[in-house]
Amino acid sequence: MSSSLARRLGVMDEPGEHKQHGDRTPFVGGVGIMVVLLSIFPLADLGFSRVSLDSVGAIGLVAVVIFLTGLADDVWHLAVKPRLLVQAIAALLMVFVGGVELRSFGELFPGVTLDLGLLGVPLTVFATIGLINALNMIDGIDGLSGSVSLVSLGLIALIAHHGHNATYFVLLVALMGGVVGFLGYNLRYAGNSRARVFLGDNGSMLLGFVFAWSLIALSQATEGRQPVMTPVTALWLFALPLMDTVGVMLRRIWLGKSPFRADRYHLHHLFIRAGFRVCDIVALAVVMQCVFGLVGVGGLWLGVPEYVMFWLFVLFFAAYAFVIARPWRLVPWLRRLSRRLGLPSVEVRGIFVGYFRQEAYREVVGVVAAGLGRGYDYQISVYRAERSADDGRNVYCLVHVPVVGSDHLIGIIHRDALRIRRRLLRRQGGVEVRLFLCRGCELDPHESGASSQGMAGRSRTVDRRGMRSTLIYSTERGDGMGASDQVGFEVSVPPA
């Protein structure tokens, strides 16, 4: 319902520029989260007598301001200054209406506690604006900001529960439910090849604001209540968005650019350049945030001195900023990491099988065809390469698959390649089976790969790394999975 309303009102994200998607997608993620946040008010009547509606009401009041600003930005693309102004006003409301303020940074040096005094209000405004925009700036690929937020919300809720703070525990758990519901439409998984809704600025700014409010409130002492965590712990619980945003902004300033000018040098962009699938990037980001967060929680509960945790965080951030500032070194390293982890690349376009003798190609093609799944279109082509081979192995097979940018399909191809490798090892020793990559190819959502227009039947000569190769056999199969207007087909070309 909200998606249909978004289309009517024009609350849609258009493809282009630095964006990764190729379809118009509604910004409705923040709507669900806002509804969840406002629904907490009736909780006191449902048995949550320890929930302070004054605190929740203050959060809800300011959250509405942030949500509407983000929604206006989604629709009218507000300039940076108006956005920052509204965020600053929201931070001031948080201080003077909600009573949430940074009063101390904790013990950042042995025996020295940094109380902020008159600097508390301006630093609260600065920190709130920073956290709001940090989450907004990592919202670059499907499922990333929502998944990372879910990890952080869970860890903060755990600390709130351990510290007997029922108000924030209920608030954070409720928000986790809203984020889980959003991820059902935003994550990529089997049957959902792309996000159907985006968080939008209305959602990312809202979540970022709730993080700022919760982390400050739970880490600062107030009249009659002790903090449930140290200020340094808050850094670890929000580590990945914070380090990525600050690192990228420092790099932009170093290059003489505006720190708010969008580019493709966030960590997730570098993972994309290295050929990682979106689902793998999200999984790795979740693991990273889990590690950072658990380090913070562990340091808190084990009583590690605040200054040790702080300077350890500074060390991690310095290393992180140093690495992402050199993408020409990081991207090749990430490619090697992907291979070591056995992850399929987003550049996968099929499977390579070779080399073998020409008289064995029928058996090889039979094994390959039997090992391929039935849920996607493909073309099997056999080539004779003009290469000198003492054992006569100069024939190879390519399985072309129209992946259409599907992370799930790439995973299926990877699984099928492993199955084919196992089967060929028992029949054709010495034959290599690996994923066929297209380096530098852009994922075109309209590519059709094998199609009913006839990829087979071509007598052609292909170039494979400077080696002349002649097509000697081709067969293709389709179930109408490669494009919306395809029908099932199965054709083949007899040997030349």
Protein backbone atom coordinates (compact mmCIF):
# COMPACT_ATOMS: atom_id res chain seq x y z
CA MET A 1 0.00 0.00 0.00
CA SER A 2 2.75 2.46 0.96
CA SER A 3 4.67 1.55 -2.23
CA SER A 4 1.65 2.37 -4.40
CA LEU A 5 1.16 5.67 -2.59
CA ALA A 6 4.85 6.48 -3.06
CA ARG A 7 4.49 5.99 -6.82
CA ARG A 8 1.48 8.29 -6.94
CA LEU A 9 3.23 10.99 -4.93
CA GLY A 10 6.49 10.63 -6.81
CA VAL A 11 8.49 9.49 -3.76
CA MET A 12 10.71 7.35 -5.97
CA ASP A 13 14.45 6.91 -6.30
CA GLU A 14 15.49 7.40 -9.92
CA PRO A 15 18.46 5.43 -11.34
CA GLY A 16 21.59 7.17 -12.58
CA GLU A 17 24.67 9.08 -11.42
CA HIS A 18 26.46 7.18 -8.61
CA LYS A 19 23.50 4.87 -7.87
CA GLN A 20 23.72 1.10 -8.25
CA HIS A 21 20.13 0.29 -9.21
CA GLY A 22 18.51 0.44 -12.64
CA ASP A 23 14.82 0.71 -11.73
CA ARG A 24 12.59 3.33 -10.11
CA THR A 25 12.19 2.27 -6.49
CA PRO A 26 9.91 3.76 -3.79
CA PHE A 27 11.29 5.40 -0.63
CA VAL A 28 9.02 3.88 2.00
CA GLY A 29 11.43 2.20 4.42
CA GLY A 30 11.25 5.10 6.85
CA VAL A 31 7.44 5.02 6.92
CA GLY A 32 7.36 1.59 8.55
CA ILE A 33 10.03 2.52 11.07
CA MET A 34 8.19 5.75 11.95
CA VAL A 35 4.96 3.81 12.47
CA VAL A 36 6.77 1.37 14.77
CA LEU A 37 8.28 4.23 16.75
CA LEU A 38 4.90 5.91 17.26
CA SER A 39 3.23 2.60 18.15
CA ILE A 40 5.30 2.37 21.34
CA PHE A 41 2.95 4.83 23.10
CA PRO A 42 0.26 2.22 23.83
CA LEU A 43 2.83 -0.15 25.37
CA ALA A 44 2.28 1.19 28.88
CA ASP A 45 -1.31 -0.02 28.65
CA LEU A 46 -0.14 -3.50 27.60
CA GLY A 47 1.87 -4.26 30.71
CA PHE A 48 5.06 -2.31 30.13
CA SER A 49 4.61 -0.19 33.23
CA ARG A 50 8.35 0.52 33.45
CA VAL A 51 8.38 2.21 30.05
CA SER A 52 8.70 5.97 30.42
CA LEU A 53 6.29 7.55 27.99
CA ASP A 54 7.87 10.94 28.65
CA SER A 55 11.15 9.73 27.16
CA VAL A 56 9.46 7.92 24.26
CA GLY A 57 7.19 10.92 23.63
CA ALA A 58 10.17 13.27 23.40
CA ILE A 59 11.90 10.90 20.98
CA GLY A 60 8.71 10.62 18.92
CA LEU A 61 8.25 14.39 18.71
CA VAL A 62 11.74 15.07 17.41
CA ALA A 63 11.72 11.93 15.24
CA VAL A 64 8.70 13.28 13.34
CA VAL A 65 10.69 16.43 12.50
CA ILE A 66 13.62 14.36 11.23
CA PHE A 67 11.37 11.99 9.29
CA LEU A 68 9.52 14.81 7.50
CA THR A 69 12.82 16.49 6.64
CA GLY A 70 14.16 13.27 5.16
CA LEU A 71 10.94 12.77 3.22
CA ALA A 72 11.17 16.31 1.85
CA ASP A 73 14.76 15.61 0.83
CA ASP A 74 13.67 12.44 -0.98
CA VAL A 75 11.03 14.36 -2.92
CA TRP A 76 12.64 17.76 -3.51
CA HIS A 77 16.37 17.01 -3.01
CA LEU A 78 17.11 19.65 -0.40
CA ALA A 79 20.47 21.39 -0.35
CA VAL A 80 23.03 20.46 2.29
CA LYS A 81 22.60 23.59 4.43
CA PRO A 82 18.82 23.26 5.02
CA ARG A 83 19.26 19.60 5.94
CA LEU A 84 22.03 20.38 8.40
CA LEU A 85 19.97 23.22 9.87
CA VAL A 86 16.99 20.97 10.57
CA GLN A 87 19.28 18.29 11.99
CA ALA A 88 20.83 20.87 14.31
CA ILE A 89 17.37 22.01 15.44
CA ALA A 90 16.44 18.36 16.11
CA ALA A 91 19.60 17.97 18.20
CA LEU A 92 18.73 21.08 20.19
CA LEU A 93 15.22 19.72 20.79
CA MET A 94 16.84 16.51 21.97
CA VAL A 95 18.83 18.51 24.52
CA PHE A 96 16.20 20.96 25.76
CA VAL A 97 13.03 18.86 25.37
CA GLY A 98 14.36 15.36 25.91
CA GLY A 99 17.11 16.26 28.38
CA VAL A 100 19.64 14.15 26.44
CA GLU A 101 23.05 15.81 26.28
CA LEU A 102 26.72 14.90 26.02
CA ARG A 103 28.14 15.83 29.39
CA SER A 104 31.34 13.78 29.43
CA PHE A 105 33.62 11.88 27.05
CA GLY A 106 34.71 9.63 29.89
CA GLU A 107 38.24 8.70 30.92
CA LEU A 108 40.13 9.11 27.63
CA PHE A 109 43.46 9.41 29.45
CA PRO A 110 44.55 7.54 32.59
CA GLY A 111 43.04 9.28 35.57
CA VAL A 112 41.63 12.14 33.46
CA THR A 113 37.85 12.36 32.88
CA LEU A 114 36.87 14.85 30.17
CA ASP A 115 33.75 16.68 31.38
CA LEU A 116 32.36 18.97 28.69
CA GLY A 117 30.64 21.70 30.65
CA LEU A 118 29.50 24.52 28.35
CA LEU A 119 30.77 22.56 25.32
CA GLY A 120 28.17 19.87 25.96
CA VAL A 121 25.38 21.39 23.85
CA PRO A 122 27.43 22.23 20.72
CA LEU A 123 29.19 18.87 20.84
CA THR A 124 25.82 17.13 21.21
CA VAL A 125 24.61 18.93 18.09
CA PHE A 126 27.81 17.98 16.24
CA ALA A 127 27.62 14.32 17.30
CA THR A 128 23.93 14.04 16.40
CA ILE A 129 24.46 15.50 12.93
CA GLY A 130 27.43 13.15 12.46
CA LEU A 131 25.52 10.00 13.39
CA ILE A 132 22.50 10.95 11.26
CA ASN A 133 24.64 11.46 8.17
CA ALA A 134 26.89 8.49 8.86
CA LEU A 135 24.00 6.07 8.48
CA ASN A 136 22.66 8.03 5.52
CA MET A 137 25.99 7.83 3.70
CA ILE A 138 26.42 4.06 3.95
CA ASP A 139 22.92 3.52 2.53
CA GLY A 140 24.37 2.73 -0.89
CA ILE A 141 23.45 -0.88 -1.71
CA ASP A 142 20.50 -3.13 -1.01
CA GLY A 143 20.26 -4.27 2.59
CA LEU A 144 23.48 -2.66 3.87
CA SER A 145 22.30 0.12 6.18
CA GLY A 146 19.35 -1.91 7.44
CA SER A 147 21.48 -4.97 8.25
CA VAL A 148 24.22 -2.97 9.97
CA SER A 149 21.56 -1.03 11.91
CA LEU A 150 19.93 -4.27 13.02
CA VAL A 151 23.23 -5.48 14.51
CA SER A 152 23.82 -2.19 16.34
CA LEU A 153 20.24 -2.00 17.62
CA GLY A 154 20.50 -5.54 18.95
CA LEU A 155 23.74 -4.85 20.82
CA ILE A 156 22.47 -1.57 22.28
CA ALA A 157 19.25 -3.31 23.37
CA LEU A 158 21.37 -6.02 25.02
CA ILE A 159 23.27 -3.38 26.99
CA ALA A 160 20.03 -1.58 27.93
CA HIS A 161 18.55 -4.84 29.20
CA HIS A 162 21.72 -5.63 31.16
CA GLY A 163 21.53 -2.14 32.68
CA HIS A 164 17.83 -2.57 33.62
CA ASN A 165 16.70 0.29 31.38
CA ALA A 166 13.28 -0.96 30.26
CA THR A 167 12.37 2.17 28.29
CA TYR A 168 15.22 1.96 25.83
CA PHE A 169 15.14 -1.83 25.72
CA VAL A 170 11.51 -1.82 24.55
CA LEU A 171 12.17 1.06 22.16
CA LEU A 172 15.16 -0.65 20.54
CA VAL A 173 13.51 -4.08 20.29
CA ALA A 174 10.46 -2.51 18.64
CA LEU A 175 12.70 -0.72 16.15
CA MET A 176 14.48 -3.99 15.43
CA GLY A 177 11.11 -5.44 14.43
CA GLY A 178 10.54 -2.51 12.08
CA VAL A 179 13.97 -2.94 10.51
CA VAL A 180 13.44 -6.69 10.05
CA GLY A 181 10.17 -5.97 8.24
CA PHE A 182 11.93 -3.44 6.02
CA LEU A 183 14.78 -5.86 5.20
CA GLY A 184 12.23 -8.36 3.93
CA TYR A 185 11.69 -5.97 1.00
CA ASN A 186 15.19 -4.52 0.79
CA LEU A 187 17.58 -7.48 1.06
CA ARG A 188 18.54 -9.63 -1.93
CA TYR A 189 17.70 -13.31 -1.54
CA ALA A 190 16.12 -16.18 -3.49
CA GLY A 191 13.02 -14.81 -5.17
CA ASN A 192 14.01 -11.18 -4.55
CA SER A 193 16.81 -10.28 -6.97
CA ARG A 194 16.69 -6.56 -6.12
CA ALA A 195 15.31 -4.23 -3.48
CA ARG A 196 11.61 -3.47 -3.85
CA VAL A 197 11.79 -0.53 -1.45
CA PHE A 198 14.57 1.75 -0.25
CA LEU A 199 15.15 3.22 3.18
CA GLY A 200 15.46 6.70 1.68
CA ASP A 201 16.67 9.77 3.53
CA ASN A 202 13.46 9.67 5.58
CA GLY A 203 14.43 6.24 6.94
CA SER A 204 18.19 6.59 7.21
CA MET A 205 17.99 10.00 8.91
CA LEU A 206 15.33 8.68 11.28
CA LEU A 207 17.40 5.64 12.26
CA GLY A 208 20.54 7.75 12.57
CA PHE A 209 18.73 10.14 14.89
CA VAL A 210 17.44 7.30 17.07
CA PHE A 211 20.99 5.95 17.30
CA ALA A 212 22.27 9.37 18.35
CA TRP A 213 19.56 9.78 20.99
CA SER A 214 19.95 6.24 22.38
CA LEU A 215 23.74 6.16 22.46
CA ILE A 216 24.01 9.56 24.14
CA ALA A 217 21.20 8.86 26.61
CA LEU A 218 22.59 5.47 27.65
CA SER A 219 26.20 6.66 27.96
CA GLN A 220 25.62 9.80 30.04
CA ALA A 221 24.79 10.15 33.70
CA THR A 222 21.64 12.10 34.56
CA GLU A 223 19.98 13.07 37.81
CA GLY A 224 19.01 9.91 39.64
CA ARG A 225 20.29 7.53 36.92
CA GLN A 226 23.70 6.11 36.12
CA PRO A 227 24.76 5.35 32.51
CA VAL A 228 24.53 1.75 31.36
CA MET A 229 27.63 2.08 29.16
CA THR A 230 30.63 4.31 28.69
CA PRO A 231 30.86 6.94 25.93
CA VAL A 232 33.67 4.93 24.33
CA THR A 233 31.40 1.87 24.08
CA ALA A 234 29.05 3.94 21.92
CA LEU A 235 31.84 4.37 19.36
CA TRP A 236 32.26 0.59 19.03
CA LEU A 237 28.52 -0.01 18.73
CA PHE A 238 28.34 2.33 15.73
CA ALA A 239 31.87 1.67 14.46
CA LEU A 240 31.42 0.69 10.82
CA PRO A 241 29.16 3.57 9.68
CA LEU A 242 31.22 6.02 11.72
CA MET A 243 34.62 4.92 10.44
CA ASP A 244 33.48 4.63 6.84
CA THR A 245 31.86 8.06 6.78
CA VAL A 246 34.66 9.91 8.56
CA GLY A 247 37.29 8.11 6.49
CA VAL A 248 35.61 9.00 3.19
CA MET A 249 35.03 12.62 4.24
CA LEU A 250 38.68 13.02 5.26
CA ARG A 251 39.73 11.64 1.87
CA ARG A 252 37.48 14.14 0.07
CA ILE A 253 38.89 17.03 2.11
CA TRP A 254 42.43 15.81 1.41
CA LEU A 255 41.63 15.87 -2.33
CA GLY A 256 40.20 19.40 -2.05
CA LYS A 257 36.57 18.37 -2.52
CA SER A 258 33.45 19.02 -0.48
CA PRO A 259 33.09 16.39 2.27
CA PHE A 260 29.37 16.10 1.36
CA ARG A 261 29.95 15.48 -2.35
CA ALA A 262 28.85 11.94 -3.23
CA ASP A 263 31.40 9.61 -4.81
CA ARG A 264 32.14 5.88 -5.13
CA TYR A 265 34.85 5.50 -2.52
CA HIS A 266 32.82 4.15 0.38
CA LEU A 267 33.85 0.69 1.51
CA HIS A 268 30.88 -0.97 -0.19
CA HIS A 269 31.79 0.73 -3.49
CA LEU A 270 35.32 -0.68 -3.26
CA PHE A 271 33.90 -4.14 -2.59
CA ILE A 272 31.76 -3.75 -5.71
CA ARG A 273 34.82 -2.81 -7.78
CA ALA A 274 36.51 -5.95 -6.49
CA GLY A 275 33.66 -8.06 -7.89
CA PHE A 276 31.81 -8.92 -4.67
CA ARG A 277 28.11 -9.63 -4.91
CA VAL A 278 25.80 -7.31 -2.98
CA CYS A 279 24.66 -10.12 -0.67
CA ASP A 280 28.29 -10.97 0.16
CA ILE A 281 29.13 -7.32 0.86
CA VAL A 282 26.19 -7.09 3.26
CA ALA A 283 27.22 -10.32 4.99
CA LEU A 284 30.81 -9.15 5.42
CA ALA A 285 29.66 -5.74 6.70
CA VAL A 286 27.42 -7.48 9.25
CA VAL A 287 30.34 -9.61 10.40
CA MET A 288 32.57 -6.54 10.71
CA GLN A 289 29.98 -4.62 12.72
CA CYS A 290 29.37 -7.67 14.93
CA VAL A 291 33.10 -7.91 15.67
CA PHE A 292 33.41 -4.19 16.45
CA GLY A 293 30.26 -4.20 18.56
CA LEU A 294 31.23 -7.31 20.53
CA VAL A 295 34.65 -5.81 21.23
CA GLY A 296 32.89 -2.77 22.69
CA VAL A 297 30.45 -4.86 24.75
CA GLY A 298 33.22 -7.16 25.91
CA GLY A 299 35.41 -4.24 26.96
CA LEU A 300 32.47 -2.73 28.88
CA TRP A 301 31.49 -5.90 30.75
CA LEU A 302 35.07 -7.00 31.42
CA GLY A 303 35.91 -3.62 32.92
CA VAL A 304 38.63 -2.70 30.43
CA PRO A 305 39.72 0.92 31.13
CA GLU A 306 37.95 3.47 28.97
CA TYR A 307 41.20 4.99 27.72
CA VAL A 308 42.40 1.59 26.50
CA MET A 309 39.18 1.04 24.55
CA PHE A 310 39.32 4.58 23.16
CA TRP A 311 42.87 4.43 21.85
CA LEU A 312 42.26 0.94 20.50
CA PHE A 313 39.34 2.38 18.53
CA VAL A 314 41.53 5.25 17.28
CA LEU A 315 44.12 2.69 16.14
CA PHE A 316 41.50 0.69 14.23
CA PHE A 317 40.13 3.86 12.65
CA ALA A 318 43.59 5.06 11.58
CA ALA A 319 44.27 1.70 9.92
CA TYR A 320 40.85 1.74 8.25
CA ALA A 321 41.27 5.30 6.93
CA PHE A 322 44.76 4.49 5.65
CA VAL A 323 43.50 1.45 3.73
CA ILE A 324 40.42 2.97 2.08
CA ALA A 325 42.41 6.09 1.09
CA ARG A 326 44.37 3.86 -1.33
CA PRO A 327 41.70 2.11 -3.42
CA TRP A 328 44.22 1.14 -6.10
CA ARG A 329 45.84 -1.14 -3.51
CA LEU A 330 42.73 -2.19 -1.64
CA VAL A 331 40.65 -3.39 -4.61
CA PRO A 332 43.21 -5.98 -5.86
CA TRP A 333 43.63 -7.21 -2.29
CA LEU A 334 39.86 -7.59 -1.99
CA ARG A 335 39.82 -9.61 -5.21
CA ARG A 336 42.36 -11.99 -3.71
CA LEU A 337 40.31 -12.15 -0.50
CA SER A 338 37.22 -13.07 -2.51
CA ARG A 339 39.06 -15.95 -4.17
CA ARG A 340 40.40 -17.21 -0.86
CA LEU A 341 36.94 -17.15 0.66
CA GLY A 342 35.61 -19.03 -2.36
CA LEU A 343 33.02 -16.36 -3.14
CA PRO A 344 31.62 -16.11 -6.68
CA SER A 345 32.31 -12.81 -8.41
CA VAL A 346 29.61 -10.47 -9.67
CA GLU A 347 31.51 -10.64 -12.97
CA VAL A 348 30.50 -14.29 -13.44
CA ARG A 349 28.98 -14.95 -16.85
CA GLY A 350 29.12 -18.72 -16.84
CA ILE A 351 31.48 -21.69 -16.48
CA PHE A 352 34.75 -22.59 -18.24
CA VAL A 353 35.67 -26.26 -18.73
CA GLY A 354 38.97 -27.21 -20.37
CA TYR A 355 41.09 -28.54 -21.80
CA PHE A 356 40.27 -31.97 -23.25
CA ARG A 357 40.56 -33.96 -26.49
CA GLN A 358 38.04 -33.29 -29.25
CA GLU A 359 36.80 -36.88 -29.30
CA ALA A 360 35.80 -36.51 -25.65
CA TYR A 361 33.65 -33.43 -26.08
CA ARG A 362 30.34 -35.34 -26.24
CA GLU A 363 31.02 -36.95 -22.88
CA VAL A 364 32.13 -33.62 -21.39
CA VAL A 365 29.07 -31.80 -22.72
CA GLY A 366 26.87 -34.55 -21.29
CA VAL A 367 28.43 -34.16 -17.84
CA VAL A 368 28.19 -30.36 -18.03
CA ALA A 369 24.54 -30.40 -19.14
CA ALA A 370 23.62 -32.89 -16.40
CA GLY A 371 25.30 -30.71 -13.79
CA LEU A 372 23.53 -27.49 -14.75
CA GLY A 373 20.37 -26.38 -12.99
CA ARG A 374 16.98 -26.28 -14.70
CA GLY A 375 15.93 -22.86 -13.43
CA TYR A 376 17.90 -20.65 -15.81
CA ASP A 377 18.82 -20.22 -19.49
CA TYR A 378 22.25 -21.15 -20.77
CA GLN A 379 24.30 -21.85 -23.89
CA ILE A 380 26.98 -24.52 -24.02
CA SER A 381 29.63 -23.81 -26.66
CA VAL A 382 32.60 -26.04 -27.49
CA TYR A 383 35.68 -24.51 -29.11
CA ARG A 384 38.83 -25.92 -30.66
CA ALA A 385 41.77 -23.71 -29.77
CA GLU A 386 44.77 -23.25 -32.05
CA ARG A 387 47.24 -24.18 -29.37
CA SER A 388 50.05 -26.70 -29.32
CA ALA A 389 49.34 -29.52 -26.87
CA ASP A 390 51.39 -32.70 -26.75
CA ASP A 391 48.49 -34.68 -25.33
CA GLY A 392 46.00 -33.34 -27.89
CA ARG A 393 43.99 -31.38 -25.30
CA ASN A 394 43.05 -28.29 -27.31
CA VAL A 395 39.27 -28.17 -26.85
CA TYR A 396 37.39 -26.23 -24.18
CA CYS A 397 33.78 -25.60 -23.27
CA LEU A 398 32.09 -22.36 -22.22
CA VAL A 399 28.71 -22.23 -20.52
CA HIS A 400 27.21 -18.77 -21.06
CA VAL A 401 24.46 -17.72 -18.62
CA PRO A 402 22.43 -14.48 -18.74
CA VAL A 403 22.84 -13.59 -15.07
CA VAL A 404 20.80 -10.35 -15.37
CA GLY A 405 22.56 -9.01 -12.29
CA SER A 406 21.11 -11.70 -10.01
CA ASP A 407 23.22 -12.48 -6.93
CA HIS A 408 21.13 -15.58 -6.34
CA LEU A 409 21.70 -16.90 -9.87
CA ILE A 410 25.45 -16.32 -9.59
CA GLY A 411 25.39 -18.41 -6.42
CA ILE A 412 23.54 -21.20 -8.27
CA ILE A 413 26.11 -21.10 -11.09
CA HIS A 414 28.90 -21.37 -8.52
CA ARG A 415 27.22 -24.39 -6.95
CA ASP A 416 26.70 -26.02 -10.37
CA ALA A 417 30.36 -25.45 -11.30
CA LEU A 418 31.45 -27.31 -8.16
CA ARG A 419 29.10 -30.17 -9.02
CA ILE A 420 30.45 -30.38 -12.59
CA ARG A 421 34.04 -30.33 -11.28
CA ARG A 422 33.36 -33.30 -8.98
CA ARG A 423 31.73 -35.30 -11.76
CA LEU A 424 34.45 -34.60 -14.32
CA LEU A 425 37.19 -35.59 -11.86
CA ARG A 426 35.78 -39.11 -11.94
CA ARG A 427 35.65 -39.25 -15.75
CA GLN A 428 38.10 -36.79 -17.26
CA GLY A 429 41.17 -36.29 -15.09
CA GLY A 430 43.10 -33.07 -15.60
CA VAL A 431 40.15 -31.02 -16.87
CA GLU A 432 39.86 -27.62 -15.20
CA VAL A 433 36.46 -26.27 -14.18
CA ARG A 434 36.16 -22.67 -13.05
CA LEU A 435 33.78 -19.75 -13.20
CA PHE A 436 33.91 -17.76 -16.43
CA LEU A 437 34.36 -14.05 -15.69
CA CYS A 438 33.83 -10.96 -17.81
CA ARG A 439 36.33 -8.42 -16.47
CA GLY A 440 35.16 -4.83 -16.73
CA CYS A 441 31.67 -5.78 -17.92
CA GLU A 442 28.83 -3.73 -16.48
CA LEU A 443 25.84 -5.66 -15.28
CA ASP A 444 23.22 -4.72 -17.82
CA PRO A 445 19.74 -5.60 -16.65
CA HIS A 446 18.71 -5.94 -20.26
CA GLU A 447 21.40 -8.39 -21.34
CA SER A 448 19.76 -11.54 -22.64
CA GLY A 449 22.67 -13.92 -23.05
CA ALA A 450 21.28 -17.05 -24.61
CA SER A 451 18.09 -16.10 -26.35
CA SER A 452 15.54 -17.54 -28.67
CA GLN A 453 16.87 -15.33 -31.43
CA GLY A 454 19.60 -17.89 -31.84
CA MET A 455 22.96 -17.71 -30.14
CA ALA A 456 23.47 -21.19 -31.44
CA GLY A 457 23.99 -21.86 -35.11
CA ARG A 458 26.82 -19.35 -35.41
CA SER A 459 29.98 -20.47 -37.11
CA ARG A 460 32.39 -18.01 -35.64
CA THR A 461 35.90 -17.52 -34.47
CA VAL A 462 36.41 -16.13 -30.95
CA ASP A 463 39.41 -14.60 -29.32
CA ARG A 464 40.36 -16.04 -25.91
CA ARG A 465 43.35 -14.21 -24.42
CA GLY A 466 44.91 -13.73 -27.82
CA MET A 467 44.30 -17.36 -28.88
CA ARG A 468 42.28 -18.14 -32.01
CA SER A 469 39.43 -20.55 -31.34
CA THR A 470 36.84 -22.10 -33.64
CA LEU A 471 33.32 -23.03 -32.60
CA ILE A 472 32.73 -26.74 -33.24
CA TYR A 473 29.51 -27.34 -31.30
CA SER A 474 26.81 -25.34 -29.55
CA THR A 475 23.60 -26.07 -27.73
CA GLU A 476 21.35 -23.80 -25.76
CA ARG A 477 18.40 -24.20 -23.49
CA GLY A 478 15.87 -21.69 -22.17
CA ASP A 479 12.84 -21.67 -19.94
CA GLY A 480 12.01 -18.02 -20.45
CA MET A 481 14.08 -17.01 -17.41
CA GLY A 482 16.49 -14.67 -19.14
CA ALA A 483 14.00 -11.99 -20.20
CA SER A 484 10.36 -11.29 -19.61
CA ASP A 485 9.35 -11.81 -23.24
CA GLN A 486 11.15 -15.14 -23.74
CA VAL A 487 9.47 -18.46 -24.19
CA GLY A 488 11.01 -21.86 -23.52
CA PHE A 489 13.35 -23.21 -26.15
CA GLU A 490 16.04 -25.83 -26.72
CA VAL A 491 18.16 -25.86 -29.87
CA SER A 492 21.55 -27.24 -30.82
CA VAL A 493 24.11 -27.19 -33.62
CA PRO A 494 25.64 -30.50 -34.72
CA PRO A 495 29.44 -30.83 -34.81
CA ALA A 496 31.15 -29.12 -37.71
